[in-house]
Amino acid sequence: MKNGSLRIYPSDGVTAEELNVYLNSRYPWNTGEIPFTEVKNGNERYFEIKDVSGTVAFSW
């Protein structure tokens, strides 16, 4: 990805505290953590990362 925006739509029970997002990380995927924003719009809820370049890995 280059200068893109990414939206993550997790299961309903996943909280922002449980979500981990890493940029250009290598195994074991625990370095390069990047900030994200939780967006709530009516019944829609997602986590968003803006202006990101590279490989993104996420988990919860």
PDB file of N, CA and C in Angstrom:
ATOM      1  N   MET A   1       0.845  -1.147   0.000  1.00  0.00           N
ATOM      2  CA  MET A   1       0.000   0.000   0.000  1.00  0.00           C
ATOM      3  C   MET A   1       0.903   1.227   0.000  1.00  0.00           C
ATOM      4  N   LYS A   2       0.448   2.270  -0.668  1.00  0.00           N
ATOM      5  CA  LYS A   2       1.217   3.517  -0.680  1.00  0.00           C
ATOM      6  C   LYS A   2       0.280   4.694  -0.413  1.00  0.00           C
ATOM      7  N   ASN A   3       0.531   5.388   0.707  1.00  0.00           N
ATOM      8  CA  ASN A   3      -0.263   6.554   1.118  1.00  0.00           C
ATOM      9  C   ASN A   3      -1.751   6.259   1.119  1.00  0.00           C
ATOM     10  N   GLY A   4      -2.113   5.079   1.571  1.00  0.00           N
ATOM     11  CA  GLY A   4      -3.510   4.660   1.549  1.00  0.00           C
ATOM     12  C   GLY A   4      -4.181   4.789   2.900  1.00  0.00           C
ATOM     13  N   SER A   5      -5.484   4.565   2.875  1.00  0.00           N
ATOM     14  CA  SER A   5      -6.276   4.495   4.098  1.00  0.00           C
ATOM     15  C   SER A   5      -6.780   3.066   4.243  1.00  0.00           C
ATOM     16  N   LEU A   6      -6.775   2.575   5.464  1.00  0.00           N
ATOM     17  CA  LEU A   6      -7.162   1.203   5.745  1.00  0.00           C
ATOM     18  C   LEU A   6      -8.239   1.217   6.807  1.00  0.00           C
ATOM     19  N   ARG A   7      -9.302   0.464   6.558  1.00  0.00           N
ATOM     20  CA  ARG A   7     -10.356   0.298   7.557  1.00  0.00           C
ATOM     21  C   ARG A   7     -10.416  -1.162   7.951  1.00  0.00           C
ATOM     22  N   ILE A   8     -10.488  -1.390   9.254  1.00  0.00           N
ATOM     23  CA  ILE A   8     -10.562  -2.740   9.801  1.00  0.00           C
ATOM     24  C   ILE A   8     -11.920  -2.880  10.472  1.00  0.00           C
ATOM     25  N   TYR A   9     -12.693  -3.879  10.041  1.00  0.00           N
ATOM     26  CA  TYR A   9     -14.026  -4.148  10.585  1.00  0.00           C
ATOM     27  C   TYR A   9     -13.964  -5.450  11.385  1.00  0.00           C
ATOM     28  N   PRO A  10     -13.633  -5.373  12.679  1.00  0.00           N
ATOM     29  CA  PRO A  10     -13.528  -6.602  13.474  1.00  0.00           C
ATOM     30  C   PRO A  10     -14.894  -7.085  13.955  1.00  0.00           C
ATOM     31  N   SER A  11     -14.905  -8.223  14.595  1.00  0.00           N
ATOM     32  CA  SER A  11     -16.121  -8.737  15.223  1.00  0.00           C
ATOM     33  C   SER A  11     -16.620  -7.755  16.267  1.00  0.00           C
ATOM     34  N   ASP A  12     -17.890  -7.829  16.604  1.00  0.00           N
ATOM     35  CA  ASP A  12     -18.505  -6.875  17.530  1.00  0.00           C
ATOM     36  C   ASP A  12     -17.817  -6.795  18.889  1.00  0.00           C
ATOM     37  N   GLY A  13     -17.290  -7.881  19.387  1.00  0.00           N
ATOM     38  CA  GLY A  13     -16.717  -7.898  20.729  1.00  0.00           C
ATOM     39  C   GLY A  13     -15.299  -7.371  20.825  1.00  0.00           C
ATOM     40  N   VAL A  14     -14.665  -7.041  19.710  1.00  0.00           N
ATOM     41  CA  VAL A  14     -13.266  -6.591  19.723  1.00  0.00           C
ATOM     42  C   VAL A  14     -13.188  -5.119  20.113  1.00  0.00           C
ATOM     43  N   THR A  15     -12.341  -4.818  21.088  1.00  0.00           N
ATOM     44  CA  THR A  15     -12.175  -3.439  21.547  1.00  0.00           C
ATOM     45  C   THR A  15     -10.877  -2.854  21.000  1.00  0.00           C
ATOM     46  N   ALA A  16     -10.747  -1.540  21.106  1.00  0.00           N
ATOM     47  CA  ALA A  16      -9.534  -0.858  20.663  1.00  0.00           C
ATOM     48  C   ALA A  16      -8.323  -1.329  21.466  1.00  0.00           C
ATOM     49  N   GLU A  17      -8.517  -1.682  22.711  1.00  0.00           N
ATOM     50  CA  GLU A  17      -7.416  -2.153  23.552  1.00  0.00           C
ATOM     51  C   GLU A  17      -6.897  -3.508  23.095  1.00  0.00           C
ATOM     52  N   GLU A  18      -7.738  -4.302  22.455  1.00  0.00           N
ATOM     53  CA  GLU A  18      -7.339  -5.640  21.995  1.00  0.00           C
ATOM     54  C   GLU A  18      -6.705  -5.634  20.607  1.00  0.00           C
ATOM     55  N   LEU A  19      -6.924  -4.574  19.853  1.00  0.00           N
ATOM     56  CA  LEU A  19      -6.434  -4.511  18.480  1.00  0.00           C
ATOM     57  C   LEU A  19      -4.962  -4.096  18.440  1.00  0.00           C
ATOM     58  N   ASN A  20      -4.187  -4.812  17.658  1.00  0.00           N
ATOM     59  CA  ASN A  20      -2.781  -4.493  17.438  1.00  0.00           C
ATOM     60  C   ASN A  20      -2.581  -4.278  15.952  1.00  0.00           C
ATOM     61  N   VAL A  21      -1.946  -3.162  15.573  1.00  0.00           N
ATOM     62  CA  VAL A  21      -1.692  -2.856  14.165  1.00  0.00           C
ATOM     63  C   VAL A  21      -0.205  -2.530  14.016  1.00  0.00           C
ATOM     64  N   TYR A  22       0.450  -3.201  13.068  1.00  0.00           N
ATOM     65  CA  TYR A  22       1.890  -3.062  12.873  1.00  0.00           C
ATOM     66  C   TYR A  22       2.178  -2.695  11.423  1.00  0.00           C
ATOM     67  N   LEU A  23       3.129  -1.802  11.231  1.00  0.00           N
ATOM     68  CA  LEU A  23       3.532  -1.364   9.899  1.00  0.00           C
ATOM     69  C   LEU A  23       4.934  -1.885   9.595  1.00  0.00           C
ATOM     70  N   ASN A  24       5.062  -2.541   8.447  1.00  0.00           N
ATOM     71  CA  ASN A  24       6.352  -3.055   7.966  1.00  0.00           C
ATOM     72  C   ASN A  24       7.069  -3.898   9.011  1.00  0.00           C
ATOM     73  N   SER A  25       6.312  -4.686   9.731  1.00  0.00           N
ATOM     74  CA  SER A  25       6.869  -5.539  10.770  1.00  0.00           C
ATOM     75  C   SER A  25       7.272  -6.881  10.172  1.00  0.00           C
ATOM     76  N   ARG A  26       8.201  -7.516  10.823  1.00  0.00           N
ATOM     77  CA  ARG A  26       8.600  -8.863  10.442  1.00  0.00           C
ATOM     78  C   ARG A  26       8.287  -9.796  11.603  1.00  0.00           C
ATOM     79  N   TYR A  27       8.281 -11.060  11.327  1.00  0.00           N
ATOM     80  CA  TYR A  27       8.037 -12.051  12.363  1.00  0.00           C
ATOM     81  C   TYR A  27       8.928 -11.763  13.560  1.00  0.00           C
ATOM     82  N   PRO A  28       8.436 -11.738  14.735  1.00  0.00           N
ATOM     83  CA  PRO A  28       7.172 -12.259  15.239  1.00  0.00           C
ATOM     84  C   PRO A  28       6.040 -11.238  15.298  1.00  0.00           C
ATOM     85  N   TRP A  29       6.024 -10.229  14.486  1.00  0.00           N
ATOM     86  CA  TRP A  29       4.930  -9.268  14.333  1.00  0.00           C
ATOM     87  C   TRP A  29       4.661  -8.442  15.573  1.00  0.00           C
ATOM     88  N   ASN A  30       5.657  -8.116  16.330  1.00  0.00           N
ATOM     89  CA  ASN A  30       5.416  -7.307  17.529  1.00  0.00           C
ATOM     90  C   ASN A  30       6.263  -6.039  17.560  1.00  0.00           C
ATOM     91  N   THR A  31       6.712  -5.578  16.398  1.00  0.00           N
ATOM     92  CA  THR A  31       7.434  -4.310  16.326  1.00  0.00           C
ATOM     93  C   THR A  31       6.780  -3.428  15.274  1.00  0.00           C
ATOM     94  N   GLY A  32       6.958  -2.132  15.393  1.00  0.00           N
ATOM     95  CA  GLY A  32       6.408  -1.205  14.412  1.00  0.00           C
ATOM     96  C   GLY A  32       4.934  -0.895  14.610  1.00  0.00           C
ATOM     97  N   GLU A  33       4.481  -0.940  15.861  1.00  0.00           N
ATOM     98  CA  GLU A  33       3.064  -0.669  16.119  1.00  0.00           C
ATOM     99  C   GLU A  33       2.719   0.764  15.719  1.00  0.00           C
ATOM    100  N   ILE A  34       1.571   0.954  15.078  1.00  0.00           N
ATOM    101  CA  ILE A  34       1.146   2.277  14.627  1.00  0.00           C
ATOM    102  C   ILE A  34      -0.217   2.617  15.219  1.00  0.00           C
ATOM    103  N   PRO A  35      -0.486   3.909  15.392  1.00  0.00           N
ATOM    104  CA  PRO A  35      -1.770   4.333  15.964  1.00  0.00           C
ATOM    105  C   PRO A  35      -2.909   4.197  14.953  1.00  0.00           C
ATOM    106  N   PHE A  36      -4.105   4.072  15.468  1.00  0.00           N
ATOM    107  CA  PHE A  36      -5.313   3.980  14.658  1.00  0.00           C
ATOM    108  C   PHE A  36      -6.429   4.724  15.371  1.00  0.00           C
ATOM    109  N   THR A  37      -7.499   4.978  14.668  1.00  0.00           N
ATOM    110  CA  THR A  37      -8.648   5.688  15.216  1.00  0.00           C
ATOM    111  C   THR A  37      -9.866   4.788  15.175  1.00  0.00           C
ATOM    112  N   GLU A  38     -10.640   4.768  16.248  1.00  0.00           N
ATOM    113  CA  GLU A  38     -11.902   4.027  16.248  1.00  0.00           C
ATOM    114  C   GLU A  38     -12.989   4.978  15.757  1.00  0.00           C
ATOM    115  N   VAL A  39     -13.758   4.539  14.774  1.00  0.00           N
ATOM    116  CA  VAL A  39     -14.809   5.363  14.182  1.00  0.00           C
ATOM    117  C   VAL A  39     -16.157   4.688  14.433  1.00  0.00           C
ATOM    118  N   LYS A  40     -17.091   5.440  14.967  1.00  0.00           N
ATOM    119  CA  LYS A  40     -18.454   4.947  15.176  1.00  0.00           C
ATOM    120  C   LYS A  40     -19.393   5.871  14.418  1.00  0.00           C
ATOM    121  N   ASN A  41     -20.138   5.297  13.488  1.00  0.00           N
ATOM    122  CA  ASN A  41     -21.053   6.066  12.646  1.00  0.00           C
ATOM    123  C   ASN A  41     -22.377   5.317  12.592  1.00  0.00           C
ATOM    124  N   GLY A  42     -23.276   5.662  13.497  1.00  0.00           N
ATOM    125  CA  GLY A  42     -24.535   4.930  13.584  1.00  0.00           C
ATOM    126  C   GLY A  42     -24.274   3.507  14.030  1.00  0.00           C
ATOM    127  N   ASN A  43     -24.729   2.530  13.243  1.00  0.00           N
ATOM    128  CA  ASN A  43     -24.499   1.118  13.561  1.00  0.00           C
ATOM    129  C   ASN A  43     -23.153   0.614  13.041  1.00  0.00           C
ATOM    130  N   GLU A  44     -22.461   1.447  12.277  1.00  0.00           N
ATOM    131  CA  GLU A  44     -21.182   1.048  11.706  1.00  0.00           C
ATOM    132  C   GLU A  44     -20.048   1.402  12.660  1.00  0.00           C
ATOM    133  N   ARG A  45     -19.124   0.466  12.840  1.00  0.00           N
ATOM    134  CA  ARG A  45     -17.956   0.689  13.700  1.00  0.00           C
ATOM    135  C   ARG A  45     -16.749   0.045  13.033  1.00  0.00           C
ATOM    136  N   TYR A  46     -15.662   0.819  12.966  1.00  0.00           N
ATOM    137  CA  TYR A  46     -14.434   0.283  12.385  1.00  0.00           C
ATOM    138  C   TYR A  46     -13.239   1.043  12.942  1.00  0.00           C
ATOM    139  N   PHE A  47     -12.056   0.510  12.671  1.00  0.00           N
ATOM    140  CA  PHE A  47     -10.813   1.155  13.050  1.00  0.00           C
ATOM    141  C   PHE A  47     -10.147   1.619  11.764  1.00  0.00           C
ATOM    142  N   GLU A  48      -9.578   2.830  11.800  1.00  0.00           N
ATOM    143  CA  GLU A  48      -9.040   3.421  10.582  1.00  0.00           C
ATOM    144  C   GLU A  48      -7.600   3.893  10.768  1.00  0.00           C
ATOM    145  N   ILE A  49      -6.807   3.671   9.729  1.00  0.00           N
ATOM    146  CA  ILE A  49      -5.435   4.143   9.660  1.00  0.00           C
ATOM    147  C   ILE A  49      -5.330   4.934   8.371  1.00  0.00           C
ATOM    148  N   LYS A  50      -4.815   6.156   8.434  1.00  0.00           N
ATOM    149  CA  LYS A  50      -4.726   7.011   7.245  1.00  0.00           C
ATOM    150  C   LYS A  50      -3.275   7.260   6.862  1.00  0.00           C
ATOM    151  N   ASP A  51      -3.079   7.495   5.574  1.00  0.00           N
ATOM    152  CA  ASP A  51      -1.782   7.853   5.009  1.00  0.00           C
ATOM    153  C   ASP A  51      -0.699   6.852   5.400  1.00  0.00           C
ATOM    154  N   VAL A  52      -0.964   5.585   5.129  1.00  0.00           N
ATOM    155  CA  VAL A  52      -0.034   4.528   5.479  1.00  0.00           C
ATOM    156  C   VAL A  52       0.599   3.956   4.211  1.00  0.00           C
ATOM    157  N   SER A  53       1.901   3.700   4.262  1.00  0.00           N
ATOM    158  CA  SER A  53       2.623   3.092   3.149  1.00  0.00           C
ATOM    159  C   SER A  53       3.380   1.872   3.661  1.00  0.00           C
ATOM    160  N   GLY A  54       3.268   0.781   2.947  1.00  0.00           N
ATOM    161  CA  GLY A  54       3.975  -0.438   3.306  1.00  0.00           C
ATOM    162  C   GLY A  54       3.019  -1.576   3.568  1.00  0.00           C
ATOM    163  N   THR A  55       3.508  -2.540   4.316  1.00  0.00           N
ATOM    164  CA  THR A  55       2.739  -3.730   4.666  1.00  0.00           C
ATOM    165  C   THR A  55       2.166  -3.562   6.059  1.00  0.00           C
ATOM    166  N   VAL A  56       0.871  -3.844   6.200  1.00  0.00           N
ATOM    167  CA  VAL A  56       0.190  -3.711   7.485  1.00  0.00           C
ATOM    168  C   VAL A  56      -0.252  -5.091   7.954  1.00  0.00           C
ATOM    169  N   ALA A  57       0.048  -5.396   9.210  1.00  0.00           N
ATOM    170  CA  ALA A  57      -0.431  -6.621   9.849  1.00  0.00           C
ATOM    171  C   ALA A  57      -1.255  -6.209  11.061  1.00  0.00           C
ATOM    172  N   PHE A  58      -2.371  -6.901  11.295  1.00  0.00           N
ATOM    173  CA  PHE A  58      -3.179  -6.581  12.465  1.00  0.00           C
ATOM    174  C   PHE A  58      -3.705  -7.859  13.093  1.00  0.00           C
ATOM    175  N   SER A  59      -3.978  -7.781  14.381  1.00  0.00           N
ATOM    176  CA  SER A  59      -4.508  -8.933  15.104  1.00  0.00           C
ATOM    177  C   SER A  59      -5.291  -8.445  16.315  1.00  0.00           C
ATOM    178  N   TRP A  60      -6.087  -9.352  16.855  1.00  0.00           N
ATOM    179  CA  TRP A  60      -6.779  -9.103  18.116  1.00  0.00           C
ATOM    180  C   TRP A  60      -6.938 -10.394  18.844  1.00  0.00           C
TER     181      TRP A  60
END
